[in-house]
Structures are given as C-alpha cells and as structure tokens.
Amino acid sequence: MKDINWGELSFGYFKTDYNVRCYCKDGKWGDLDMSDSEFFPMHIASTCMHYGQEVFEGLKVFRGIDGKVRMFRCQENAKRMKDSAEYIMMQAPPVELFVRAVKKAVEWNQEYIPPYESGASLYVRPLLIGIGPQLGVAPSTEYMFVVFVSPVGPYFKEGFKPVKTMLERVFDRAAPCGTGHIKVGGNYAAGMRSGEKAHHKGFSMSIFLDAKEKKYIDECGPANFFGIKNNTYVTPSASTILPSVTNASLMVLAEDMGLKVERRQIPVEELSTFEEIGACGTAAVISPIGSIEDSATGQTIVVGDPTVAGKWSTKLYNRLRGIQYGEEEDKFGWNEIL
C-alpha cells in the first residue's frame, strides 16, 4: 500500500501508476492495453472534441472491514455506458469488456486502494470517446475506451453533514428529449455556470428545475434528488434525469427498511413539506440538504434541523456504506470481491 495521507484526500485527481486502454475500429474491439502515461495522442478532427461524442462513468472500489476489496455494482455502470453510447451513436464496449477493464485498472493500481476506516475509497473513471476524424456531423468510426483510477476523499468538504443549496431559476441542466438521461459531459458543462454561481454565493450546489415548465425538481447539480416524508422516499421521475446507480440502490434499501418509494414529479411548492432532503450519487453517496435558497426571491426553505442529517438519510447512508465496506450483509449481491 502506498504511503499516502489518506485522511487528507479531497475528491480530486490523484496520479496512479497505470490506466487501461482499448480501441475500436470498424465495429471491432481490440485487446486491453496497459499504459503508464496520463496522456494520449488524438486527431485534431476527433468527434469527441467537435461533436461531443463522449460518455463516461464513475464507480468505487472499497477495502472492507475484513481486508477484502469490493467493487460495487460495476455491471450497472457498464449497462448505463452502453445506453449512453448508443443514444449518441457511439460504439459501446460490451459489458464483459467494461467489467474486465475496470478489474484490470484496479489490479494494476491496487496499492492505491485506501485502507478501511481511512475515509477514502478508490474512484474508477471509465471513459469512452470518439477519436475518428470527421468534419461533417457524423458518428466516428473509431473509439477509445479508457479506465483510470484515483484514490479520493469526500466529494463535499462537509462530509456527511447538511449543506446549503441554491434553487436555480435561470439556467437549465438538460432539455426534454435531450441527453439528460445519459452520462455525457455536455450535461455537466451545461450546469457549470449555475454551479459556479452557487459556489460564489456560498452554496454547495444548485438544484435544477425542469427546462420545459420550471415547475418540477430535476437534479441536484451532479446528483439525483430525493426527499423523505410520511415514511416515503420520493425521487423525481423525468426523461431528463440520469438513472443513478446509487439512487436505485437507496430505493431498494428504503423499501427493505420499511419505507414506501415513489418516483414521480415533485413540484417546487412541495419542497417545504419534506422532513428530509438529500442529493445522492457515487461521489458523495448521500449529501443531506439543510437549506434551499430560491435564487429568484431570496427566500430560504429550512429542512428539518439544518445542522444534523435526518434519521432516515443517516440510516440509508450507513446501510449502503456498510454493504460497500463489508460491515453489513450484502443480501442483494451488489458487491464483487476482487
């Protein structure tokens, strides 16, 4: 294991020894290659740079209480990359190839897997880009699939504590019938202006509304939204929302722990009625939301006790993390021991 101050890691890029690469040409994928370079040559007319043919994923690997290394729901990420790639006319790596590449990237960088109880984990970033040259708008005929890893700390510096958020009224994250439901870089680029505006005002993130009517909750910056009230876990359902692996897992756990689960439109006016609100995703697992300030009116909604995570958010967070670290029974078969 590397001599790293694991407890001081932020959620940022940390150089490791190797990454995995695989190339696709004329519809055929080649062999997995190992590289120790952080860079790769690219044609100046590559479709990823001109026409946005780029999709990516994010998942985590954990060193558990028993010393074993666990990979969490990797196949779900592989399936989501396939869906994302096909939607924007890319050649997706088969699920088997995706999983094998992730395992190789972890194996070749196993000394960077943080120890148990360090507060850190190994983040895995699979990336698929179009590298074939095109001047006209058309799909590439060549693709590169890359998997690199980085040890990371908490996504938000607050850790598992309620954060202040801003309700975005001006900018949109994604359009109906657009790319909001797939994991492409353009969605994150579209949200950056709002995110920077929120950070400048002292908020951790923005909460976006639907682009069509500005009436319903969409996503929380780079994460899914959920609210809890009346023993019910409620999360938005819309064509613009990315199907989060974490959120899907939390819904299963919520039902297993006795909560009802609803996927539906959530009107802005309903925000004030929730007992707990949170953002969820691979990076933070759950980030409890303590307050929401409306960027148009300046009015603030305070959620429960804004200084303490709610009881259900805490239970769900601890249960999911417990499964990932081998502290809780993995009754759903989500982990793969590496």
Foldseek 3Di string as FASTA:
>chain_A
DDPDLLLPFAADFDQFQWKWKWKAFQLDIDDIDIDRDPDDDFDPQFCCVVPVQKFKFKFWWAQFPVRFIKTFQLLVRLVQQVVLNVVLVHRRDHSVVSVVRQVVQCVVRVVQADHPPSQKTKMKMKMKGGRAGDDDPDGHRMMMIMIHIGIGHANDPVAQWAWEEEEDQPFALAAAVTNLQHGTPSSLVSQVVVQVVQVVVPGRWYFYAHPPPSWFTEATRVFFKWFDDPLEIEGEDGRNHHPAPLVVVLQVVSVVVPGHYYYYTHTPVCVLVTQWMWTAHNRRSTHTHQKYAYPVPRDMRGHHHNGGHDPSSVVSSCAVVCCSNVNDDPPVPRIDTD
